[in-house]
Protein backbone atom coordinates (compact mmCIF):
# COMPACT_ATOMS: atom_id res chain seq x y z
CA MET A 1 0.06 -0.16 0.23
CA ASN A 2 1.58 3.38 -1.02
CA LEU A 3 0.87 5.71 2.53
CA LEU A 4 3.07 8.85 0.83
CA PRO A 5 -0.37 9.99 -0.42
CA ILE A 6 -1.93 9.72 2.78
CA VAL A 7 0.87 11.38 4.94
CA GLU A 8 0.72 14.28 2.00
CA GLU A 9 -2.80 14.58 2.49
CA ILE A 10 -2.19 14.91 6.49
CA ILE A 11 0.74 17.21 6.24
CA ASP A 12 -1.46 19.71 3.89
CA LEU A 13 -4.49 19.88 5.92
CA ASP A 14 -3.23 22.82 7.84
CA PRO A 15 -0.21 25.51 7.70
CA GLN A 16 0.65 24.94 11.07
CA MET A 17 1.09 21.16 10.59
CA ARG A 18 5.02 19.98 10.97
CA PHE A 19 5.71 16.57 10.64
CA ALA A 20 3.02 13.10 9.82
CA ALA A 21 4.34 9.66 9.99
CA ILE A 22 2.64 5.97 9.60
CA ILE A 23 4.33 3.57 11.79
CA ASP A 24 3.96 -0.06 11.77
CA LEU A 25 2.98 -1.87 14.87
CA LYS A 26 6.57 -3.11 15.71
CA GLY A 27 7.52 1.03 15.67
CA ASN A 28 9.20 0.97 12.12
CA ILE A 29 7.85 4.26 9.73
CA SER A 30 6.21 3.35 7.29
CA GLU A 31 5.95 6.45 5.53
CA ALA A 32 6.99 10.10 7.01
CA ILE A 33 7.11 13.65 5.66
CA MET A 34 8.15 16.79 7.22
CA LYS A 35 6.16 20.04 6.01
CA GLU A 36 7.89 22.02 3.97
CA GLY A 37 9.97 24.78 5.50
CA LYS A 38 9.91 23.18 8.88
CA THR A 39 12.82 22.05 10.63
CA SER A 40 12.76 18.75 12.64
CA LEU A 41 13.20 19.51 16.55
CA LYS A 42 14.42 15.99 16.79
CA SER A 43 17.53 14.12 14.67
CA GLN A 44 16.51 11.19 12.71
CA LYS A 45 17.58 8.86 15.18
CA GLU A 46 15.72 10.10 18.37
CA GLU A 47 12.53 10.10 15.64
CA GLU A 48 13.07 6.58 14.96
CA HIS A 49 13.60 6.14 18.66
CA PHE A 50 10.67 7.90 19.27
CA CYS A 51 8.51 5.85 17.06
CA LYS A 52 9.52 2.58 18.50
CA GLN A 53 8.44 4.08 21.74
CA VAL A 54 4.96 4.80 20.29
CA ALA A 55 4.76 1.35 19.44
CA VAL A 56 5.74 0.11 23.04
CA ARG A 57 3.12 2.54 24.71
CA ARG A 58 0.43 1.42 22.28
CA LYS A 59 0.89 -1.96 23.52
CA ILE A 60 0.99 -1.05 27.14
CA ARG A 61 -2.27 1.02 26.56
CA LYS A 62 -4.08 -2.06 24.97
CA GLN A 63 -3.98 -3.67 28.27
CA PHE A 64 -6.35 -1.28 29.67
CA ASP A 65 -9.02 -1.41 26.67
CA LYS A 66 -11.10 -4.17 28.51
CA SER A 67 -11.66 -1.89 31.25
CA LEU A 68 -11.49 1.66 30.06
CA GLY A 69 -12.12 1.16 26.47
CA PRO A 70 -9.94 1.35 23.51
CA VAL A 71 -8.12 4.66 23.05
CA ASN A 72 -9.36 7.11 20.47
CA TYR A 73 -6.19 9.37 20.42
CA VAL A 74 -3.11 10.34 22.49
CA HIS A 75 -2.60 14.51 22.24
CA ILE A 76 0.38 15.85 24.06
CA GLU A 77 1.17 19.40 24.51
CA ARG A 78 4.53 20.59 24.83
CA LYS A 79 6.35 24.09 24.84
CA LYS A 80 7.46 23.59 21.21
CA VAL A 81 5.32 21.05 19.50
CA THR A 82 2.01 19.70 19.86
CA GLN A 83 2.13 15.33 19.28
CA VAL A 84 -0.88 13.20 18.46
CA VAL A 85 -1.16 9.41 17.95
CA ILE A 86 -4.02 7.88 16.33
CA TYR A 87 -4.21 4.05 16.72
CA PRO A 88 -6.26 2.60 13.54
CA LYS A 89 -6.28 -1.37 13.48
CA ARG A 90 -2.83 -2.15 11.99
CA ARG A 91 -0.69 0.92 11.98
CA THR A 92 -0.06 4.05 14.18
CA VAL A 93 -0.22 7.67 13.04
CA TYR A 94 1.91 10.35 14.44
CA VAL A 95 1.68 13.98 13.87
CA THR A 96 2.75 17.17 14.94
CA MET A 97 1.74 20.51 14.63
CA GLU A 98 2.62 24.17 15.94
CA PRO A 99 1.41 24.54 19.77
CA THR A 100 -0.23 27.63 18.78
CA VAL A 101 -2.94 25.92 16.86
CA ASP A 102 -6.42 26.74 18.86
CA ILE A 103 -7.35 23.67 20.60
CA ALA A 104 -10.78 23.71 18.52
CA ARG A 105 -8.88 23.41 15.59
CA LYS A 106 -6.51 20.70 17.08
CA MET A 107 -9.88 18.62 17.59
CA GLU A 108 -11.21 19.11 14.25
CA LEU A 109 -7.39 18.08 12.51
CA ILE A 110 -7.36 14.70 15.14
CA ASN A 111 -11.32 13.90 13.69
CA ILE A 112 -10.18 14.56 10.07
CA ILE A 113 -6.84 12.37 10.41
CA LYS A 114 -9.16 9.56 12.52
CA LYS A 115 -11.19 9.41 9.20
CA LYS A 116 -8.90 9.75 6.34
CA THR A 117 -6.65 6.79 8.31
CA ALA A 118 -9.18 4.53 9.78
CA LYS A 119 -8.48 1.76 7.37
CA LEU A 120 -5.28 1.44 8.08
């Protein structure tokens, strides 16, 4: 499956998007793209390590699905960046955006991304 058009669509959703990646269940980056004109806040090695950790955290969160229900998404606010992780069935979607994006717009973007990636 060609995942590049999906990450391109995600990155083009808003000028404040920074990075979009689709990660397999082992934490390997299947496809990723940085918004043109943006610079990464992490080195490539750090990015790869972070994606591996995303897969580990997904497995940990899955342990609570029976009692708490499945995770809809993970939203992390940092000083320099907003991170969002979405869990379609067979992949993980990781996106970053500028922290200055209005919270209502962030929620709108999360819902759009969830719809676009639901079948992954």
